[in-house]
Amino acid sequence: MSRRTRPPYPAAFREQMIELVKAGRSPEEAAREFGCTAQSIYNWLGRASYGSDGKPSKEPGLSSVEREELVKLRRDVRRLQMERDILAKDTAWFANKDEKTSTPSSS
């Protein structure tokens, strides 16, 4: 009893199917048109709502590529906020130091 299997669909194809369904096509329609099964599309939709770590996504409706970009951008924002805070403290310190070392003008 041999089971027929086929190689996995490419990630780009899966993403396109997910986008089509999100745009309003039914999985059955997309499956007939593109030659895959509706169950596969349902499975891909289910996985798309989970992150790469297997936990539910906090941002439903994002593709895995979008989710990865969002994580990267949030990391960059945290780094930039930290740099901004350091610069603000340094600026305040230098401004305070200059006030202490300046001599009053003689009139």
C-alpha atoms as a PDB file:
ATOM      1  CA  MET A   1       0.000   0.000   0.000  1.00  0.00           C
ATOM      2  CA  SER A   2       2.051   2.921  -1.243  1.00  0.00           C
ATOM      3  CA  ARG A   3       1.007   6.488  -0.660  1.00  0.00           C
ATOM      4  CA  ARG A   4       1.523   9.054  -3.340  1.00  0.00           C
ATOM      5  CA  THR A   5       3.329  12.096  -2.074  1.00  0.00           C
ATOM      6  CA  ARG A   6       4.527  15.158  -3.858  1.00  0.00           C
ATOM      7  CA  PRO A   7       7.296  17.572  -2.936  1.00  0.00           C
ATOM      8  CA  PRO A   8       6.236  20.480  -0.726  1.00  0.00           C
ATOM      9  CA  TYR A   9       4.829  23.526  -2.444  1.00  0.00           C
ATOM     10  CA  PRO A  10       7.257  26.456  -2.635  1.00  0.00           C
ATOM     11  CA  ALA A  11       6.893  29.071   0.108  1.00  0.00           C
ATOM     12  CA  ALA A  12       6.075  31.773  -2.448  1.00  0.00           C
ATOM     13  CA  PHE A  13       3.190  29.668  -3.797  1.00  0.00           C
ATOM     14  CA  ARG A  14       1.826  29.100  -0.288  1.00  0.00           C
ATOM     15  CA  GLU A  15       2.032  32.839   0.470  1.00  0.00           C
ATOM     16  CA  GLN A  16       0.157  33.617  -2.763  1.00  0.00           C
ATOM     17  CA  MET A  17      -2.615  31.175  -1.864  1.00  0.00           C
ATOM     18  CA  ILE A  18      -2.938  32.730   1.596  1.00  0.00           C
ATOM     19  CA  GLU A  19      -3.138  36.218   0.079  1.00  0.00           C
ATOM     20  CA  LEU A  20      -5.808  35.102  -2.407  1.00  0.00           C
ATOM     21  CA  VAL A  21      -7.969  33.683   0.376  1.00  0.00           C
ATOM     22  CA  LYS A  22      -7.485  36.805   2.499  1.00  0.00           C
ATOM     23  CA  ALA A  23      -8.537  38.856  -0.530  1.00  0.00           C
ATOM     24  CA  GLY A  24     -11.857  37.008  -0.660  1.00  0.00           C
ATOM     25  CA  ARG A  25     -11.406  33.848  -2.729  1.00  0.00           C
ATOM     26  CA  SER A  26     -12.508  30.596  -1.162  1.00  0.00           C
ATOM     27  CA  PRO A  27      -9.863  27.918  -0.574  1.00  0.00           C
ATOM     28  CA  GLU A  28     -11.878  25.560  -2.763  1.00  0.00           C
ATOM     29  CA  GLU A  29     -11.842  28.037  -5.670  1.00  0.00           C
ATOM     30  CA  ALA A  30      -8.116  28.651  -5.357  1.00  0.00           C
ATOM     31  CA  ALA A  31      -7.438  24.917  -5.092  1.00  0.00           C
ATOM     32  CA  ARG A  32      -9.337  24.162  -8.309  1.00  0.00           C
ATOM     33  CA  GLU A  33      -7.624  26.960 -10.193  1.00  0.00           C
ATOM     34  CA  PHE A  34      -4.062  26.306  -9.040  1.00  0.00           C
ATOM     35  CA  GLY A  35      -4.039  22.521  -8.683  1.00  0.00           C
ATOM     36  CA  CYS A  36      -3.622  21.967  -4.973  1.00  0.00           C
ATOM     37  CA  THR A  37      -6.063  20.780  -2.345  1.00  0.00           C
ATOM     38  CA  ALA A  38      -8.362  23.026  -0.355  1.00  0.00           C
ATOM     39  CA  GLN A  39      -7.184  21.243   2.796  1.00  0.00           C
ATOM     40  CA  SER A  40      -3.606  22.297   2.048  1.00  0.00           C
ATOM     41  CA  ILE A  41      -4.727  25.905   1.782  1.00  0.00           C
ATOM     42  CA  TYR A  42      -6.635  25.622   5.076  1.00  0.00           C
ATOM     43  CA  ASN A  43      -3.482  24.195   6.677  1.00  0.00           C
ATOM     44  CA  TRP A  44      -1.351  27.052   5.328  1.00  0.00           C
ATOM     45  CA  LEU A  45      -3.869  29.596   6.604  1.00  0.00           C
ATOM     46  CA  GLY A  46      -3.724  27.998  10.044  1.00  0.00           C
ATOM     47  CA  ARG A  47       0.070  28.018  10.093  1.00  0.00           C
ATOM     48  CA  ALA A  48       0.172  31.620   8.877  1.00  0.00           C
ATOM     49  CA  SER A  49      -1.492  32.719  12.100  1.00  0.00           C
ATOM     50  CA  TYR A  50       1.386  31.189  14.088  1.00  0.00           C
ATOM     51  CA  GLY A  51       4.955  32.439  14.369  1.00  0.00           C
ATOM     52  CA  SER A  52       8.065  30.502  13.482  1.00  0.00           C
ATOM     53  CA  ASP A  53       8.315  29.496  17.146  1.00  0.00           C
ATOM     54  CA  GLY A  54       4.952  27.701  16.936  1.00  0.00           C
ATOM     55  CA  LYS A  55       3.173  30.196  19.213  1.00  0.00           C
ATOM     56  CA  PRO A  56       0.102  32.151  18.112  1.00  0.00           C
ATOM     57  CA  SER A  57       1.011  35.384  16.379  1.00  0.00           C
ATOM     58  CA  LYS A  58       0.193  38.610  18.181  1.00  0.00           C
ATOM     59  CA  GLU A  59      -0.265  40.228  14.774  1.00  0.00           C
ATOM     60  CA  PRO A  60      -2.879  38.111  13.001  1.00  0.00           C
ATOM     61  CA  GLY A  61      -2.958  38.401   9.252  1.00  0.00           C
ATOM     62  CA  LEU A  62       0.772  38.979   8.778  1.00  0.00           C
ATOM     63  CA  SER A  63       2.786  36.694   6.591  1.00  0.00           C
ATOM     64  CA  SER A  64       5.922  35.131   8.016  1.00  0.00           C
ATOM     65  CA  VAL A  65       8.081  37.560   6.022  1.00  0.00           C
ATOM     66  CA  GLU A  66       6.111  40.528   7.348  1.00  0.00           C
ATOM     67  CA  ARG A  67       6.305  39.140  10.877  1.00  0.00           C
ATOM     68  CA  GLU A  68      10.098  38.772  10.639  1.00  0.00           C
ATOM     69  CA  GLU A  69      10.401  42.321   9.328  1.00  0.00           C
ATOM     70  CA  LEU A  70       8.209  43.591  12.167  1.00  0.00           C
ATOM     71  CA  VAL A  71      10.435  41.875  14.733  1.00  0.00           C
ATOM     72  CA  LYS A  72      13.526  43.417  13.123  1.00  0.00           C
ATOM     73  CA  LEU A  73      11.984  46.885  13.012  1.00  0.00           C
ATOM     74  CA  ARG A  74      10.905  46.683  16.662  1.00  0.00           C
ATOM     75  CA  ARG A  75      14.452  45.665  17.616  1.00  0.00           C
ATOM     76  CA  ASP A  76      15.809  48.662  15.686  1.00  0.00           C
ATOM     77  CA  VAL A  77      13.338  51.003  17.393  1.00  0.00           C
ATOM     78  CA  ARG A  78      14.438  49.770  20.844  1.00  0.00           C
ATOM     79  CA  ARG A  79      18.097  50.294  19.924  1.00  0.00           C
ATOM     80  CA  LEU A  80      17.456  53.795  18.576  1.00  0.00           C
ATOM     81  CA  GLN A  81      15.429  54.756  21.662  1.00  0.00           C
ATOM     82  CA  MET A  82      18.275  53.594  23.881  1.00  0.00           C
ATOM     83  CA  GLU A  83      20.795  55.608  21.842  1.00  0.00           C
ATOM     84  CA  ARG A  84      18.532  58.669  22.036  1.00  0.00           C
ATOM     85  CA  ASP A  85      18.244  58.329  25.821  1.00  0.00           C
ATOM     86  CA  ILE A  86      22.022  58.033  26.185  1.00  0.00           C
ATOM     87  CA  LEU A  87      22.548  61.134  24.036  1.00  0.00           C
ATOM     88  CA  ALA A  88      19.950  63.086  26.032  1.00  0.00           C
ATOM     89  CA  LYS A  89      21.707  62.187  29.315  1.00  0.00           C
ATOM     90  CA  ASP A  90      25.110  63.084  27.872  1.00  0.00           C
ATOM     91  CA  THR A  91      23.778  66.414  26.609  1.00  0.00           C
ATOM     92  CA  ALA A  92      22.325  67.226  30.021  1.00  0.00           C
ATOM     93  CA  TRP A  93      25.576  66.259  31.734  1.00  0.00           C
ATOM     94  CA  PHE A  94      27.691  68.423  29.417  1.00  0.00           C
ATOM     95  CA  ALA A  95      25.266  71.342  29.729  1.00  0.00           C
ATOM     96  CA  ASN A  96      25.419  71.071  33.529  1.00  0.00           C
ATOM     97  CA  LYS A  97      29.229  70.813  33.452  1.00  0.00           C
ATOM     98  CA  ASP A  98      29.530  73.959  31.307  1.00  0.00           C
ATOM     99  CA  GLU A  99      27.389  75.949  33.757  1.00  0.00           C
ATOM    100  CA  LYS A 100      29.672  75.005  36.654  1.00  0.00           C
ATOM    101  CA  THR A 101      32.895  75.895  34.825  1.00  0.00           C
ATOM    102  CA  SER A 102      31.780  79.154  33.255  1.00  0.00           C
ATOM    103  CA  THR A 103      32.994  82.367  34.913  1.00  0.00           C
ATOM    104  CA  PRO A 104      30.643  85.227  35.558  1.00  0.00           C
ATOM    105  CA  SER A 105      31.210  88.162  33.265  1.00  0.00           C
ATOM    106  CA  SER A 106      32.624  91.294  34.830  1.00  0.00           C
ATOM    107  CA  SER A 107      30.638  94.424  34.274  1.00  0.00           C
END
